[in-house]
Amino acid sequence: METWYYEVVSIDGDYANLMRTDIESDDLKLVARALLPPEIVEGSELKYEMMQYELLK
C-alpha cells in the first residue's frame, strides 16, 4: 500500500483542501473533514496510508 503526504491548504466548513507534498503538484484535493483528524488547522501536515489520514504536525 502506498503512503502519501499532504498539507492542509484551507478549511471551508465541512471540507478541507489538501495539497500533496511528496510530489510536485499544484492540484488540490477536496476532502470531507469527517475523514480527517478533528484537530487539523491550516498548515497541518498529514500522512495518508491504508485509507486513513494521520496528523503529523
N, C-alpha and C. Protein backbone atom coordinates (compact mmCIF):
# COMPACT_ATOMS: atom_id res chain seq x y z
N MET A 1 0.84 -1.17 0.00
CA MET A 1 0.00 0.00 0.00
C MET A 1 0.89 1.24 0.00
N GLU A 2 0.48 2.23 -0.75
CA GLU A 2 1.27 3.46 -0.87
C GLU A 2 0.99 4.42 0.28
N THR A 3 1.94 5.29 0.53
CA THR A 3 1.82 6.35 1.53
C THR A 3 1.96 7.68 0.82
N TRP A 4 1.03 8.59 1.10
CA TRP A 4 1.05 9.92 0.51
C TRP A 4 1.06 10.96 1.62
N TYR A 5 1.67 12.11 1.34
CA TYR A 5 1.76 13.19 2.32
C TYR A 5 1.07 14.43 1.79
N TYR A 6 0.35 15.11 2.68
CA TYR A 6 -0.44 16.28 2.31
C TYR A 6 -0.23 17.40 3.31
N GLU A 7 -0.53 18.62 2.85
CA GLU A 7 -0.61 19.77 3.73
C GLU A 7 -2.01 20.34 3.60
N VAL A 8 -2.61 20.73 4.72
CA VAL A 8 -3.92 21.37 4.71
C VAL A 8 -3.73 22.81 4.25
N VAL A 9 -4.25 23.12 3.07
CA VAL A 9 -4.11 24.46 2.49
C VAL A 9 -5.19 25.39 3.00
N SER A 10 -6.42 24.89 3.07
CA SER A 10 -7.52 25.72 3.57
C SER A 10 -8.62 24.82 4.10
N ILE A 11 -9.42 25.41 4.98
CA ILE A 11 -10.57 24.71 5.55
C ILE A 11 -11.79 25.57 5.24
N ASP A 12 -12.80 24.94 4.66
CA ASP A 12 -14.02 25.64 4.27
C ASP A 12 -15.22 24.84 4.77
N GLY A 13 -15.69 25.17 5.96
CA GLY A 13 -16.85 24.47 6.52
C GLY A 13 -16.54 23.01 6.79
N ASP A 14 -17.28 22.12 6.14
CA ASP A 14 -17.13 20.68 6.36
C ASP A 14 -16.08 20.04 5.46
N TYR A 15 -15.33 20.86 4.73
CA TYR A 15 -14.33 20.33 3.80
C TYR A 15 -12.98 21.00 4.00
N ALA A 16 -11.92 20.30 3.58
CA ALA A 16 -10.57 20.85 3.62
C ALA A 16 -9.91 20.61 2.27
N ASN A 17 -9.13 21.57 1.83
CA ASN A 17 -8.34 21.43 0.61
C ASN A 17 -6.94 20.98 0.99
N LEU A 18 -6.52 19.86 0.42
CA LEU A 18 -5.20 19.29 0.69
C LEU A 18 -4.34 19.35 -0.55
N MET A 19 -3.03 19.61 -0.34
CA MET A 19 -2.07 19.60 -1.43
C MET A 19 -1.00 18.55 -1.13
N ARG A 20 -0.70 17.74 -2.12
CA ARG A 20 0.35 16.72 -1.95
C ARG A 20 1.69 17.40 -1.76
N THR A 21 2.48 16.89 -0.82
CA THR A 21 3.80 17.46 -0.56
C THR A 21 4.92 16.49 -0.92
N ASP A 22 4.58 15.25 -1.25
CA ASP A 22 5.61 14.27 -1.58
C ASP A 22 5.92 14.22 -3.06
N ILE A 23 5.13 14.93 -3.88
CA ILE A 23 5.39 15.04 -5.31
C ILE A 23 5.12 16.49 -5.74
N GLU A 24 5.61 16.87 -6.91
CA GLU A 24 5.32 18.18 -7.47
C GLU A 24 3.90 18.16 -8.03
N SER A 25 3.03 18.96 -7.45
CA SER A 25 1.65 19.04 -7.94
C SER A 25 1.02 20.33 -7.44
N ASP A 26 0.27 20.98 -8.31
CA ASP A 26 -0.48 22.17 -7.94
C ASP A 26 -1.94 21.86 -7.70
N ASP A 27 -2.32 20.59 -7.89
CA ASP A 27 -3.72 20.19 -7.73
C ASP A 27 -4.08 20.09 -6.26
N LEU A 28 -5.29 20.51 -5.93
CA LEU A 28 -5.81 20.40 -4.58
C LEU A 28 -6.82 19.27 -4.53
N LYS A 29 -6.87 18.61 -3.39
CA LYS A 29 -7.81 17.51 -3.18
C LYS A 29 -8.81 17.97 -2.12
N LEU A 30 -10.09 17.96 -2.46
CA LEU A 30 -11.14 18.34 -1.53
C LEU A 30 -11.56 17.11 -0.74
N VAL A 31 -11.45 17.19 0.59
CA VAL A 31 -11.73 16.04 1.46
C VAL A 31 -12.70 16.48 2.55
N ALA A 32 -13.69 15.64 2.83
CA ALA A 32 -14.63 15.91 3.92
C ALA A 32 -13.88 15.88 5.25
N ARG A 33 -14.16 16.85 6.11
CA ARG A 33 -13.46 16.93 7.40
C ARG A 33 -13.77 15.73 8.27
N ALA A 34 -14.89 15.05 8.04
CA ALA A 34 -15.23 13.86 8.82
C ALA A 34 -14.20 12.75 8.61
N LEU A 35 -13.45 12.79 7.51
CA LEU A 35 -12.43 11.78 7.22
C LEU A 35 -11.06 12.16 7.77
N LEU A 36 -10.93 13.38 8.27
CA LEU A 36 -9.65 13.91 8.73
C LEU A 36 -9.60 13.97 10.25
N PRO A 37 -8.40 14.00 10.83
CA PRO A 37 -8.30 14.17 12.28
C PRO A 37 -8.98 15.48 12.70
N PRO A 38 -9.73 15.49 13.80
CA PRO A 38 -10.50 16.69 14.17
C PRO A 38 -9.65 17.90 14.55
N GLU A 39 -8.39 17.69 14.91
CA GLU A 39 -7.55 18.80 15.37
C GLU A 39 -6.77 19.51 14.25
N ILE A 40 -7.07 19.22 12.99
CA ILE A 40 -6.34 19.87 11.90
C ILE A 40 -6.61 21.37 11.87
N VAL A 41 -5.62 22.11 11.40
CA VAL A 41 -5.73 23.54 11.13
C VAL A 41 -5.01 23.78 9.80
N GLU A 42 -5.17 24.96 9.25
CA GLU A 42 -4.44 25.28 8.02
C GLU A 42 -2.95 25.18 8.29
N GLY A 43 -2.24 24.48 7.42
CA GLY A 43 -0.81 24.27 7.59
C GLY A 43 -0.46 22.92 8.20
N SER A 44 -1.47 22.19 8.70
CA SER A 44 -1.20 20.86 9.27
C SER A 44 -0.65 19.92 8.20
N GLU A 45 0.23 19.04 8.62
CA GLU A 45 0.78 18.03 7.72
C GLU A 45 0.15 16.69 8.04
N LEU A 46 -0.27 15.99 6.98
CA LEU A 46 -0.97 14.72 7.13
C LEU A 46 -0.28 13.62 6.36
N LYS A 47 -0.44 12.40 6.85
CA LYS A 47 0.01 11.21 6.13
C LYS A 47 -1.24 10.40 5.81
N TYR A 48 -1.35 9.96 4.56
CA TYR A 48 -2.47 9.12 4.13
C TYR A 48 -1.93 7.74 3.82
N GLU A 49 -2.42 6.76 4.56
CA GLU A 49 -1.96 5.39 4.40
C GLU A 49 -3.08 4.46 4.82
N MET A 50 -3.29 3.41 4.07
CA MET A 50 -4.31 2.40 4.37
C MET A 50 -5.69 3.04 4.59
N MET A 51 -6.02 4.00 3.70
CA MET A 51 -7.30 4.68 3.67
C MET A 51 -7.59 5.48 4.94
N GLN A 52 -6.53 5.95 5.64
CA GLN A 52 -6.70 6.78 6.83
C GLN A 52 -5.71 7.95 6.80
N TYR A 53 -6.17 9.08 7.31
CA TYR A 53 -5.32 10.26 7.43
C TYR A 53 -4.80 10.33 8.86
N GLU A 54 -3.50 10.63 9.01
CA GLU A 54 -2.87 10.76 10.32
C GLU A 54 -2.19 12.12 10.40
N LEU A 55 -2.42 12.82 11.50
CA LEU A 55 -1.81 14.13 11.71
C LEU A 55 -0.35 13.96 12.08
N LEU A 56 0.54 14.62 11.33
CA LEU A 56 1.98 14.56 11.63
C LEU A 56 2.39 15.74 12.48
N LYS A 57 2.00 16.96 12.09
CA LYS A 57 2.26 18.17 12.88
C LYS A 57 1.46 19.32 12.36
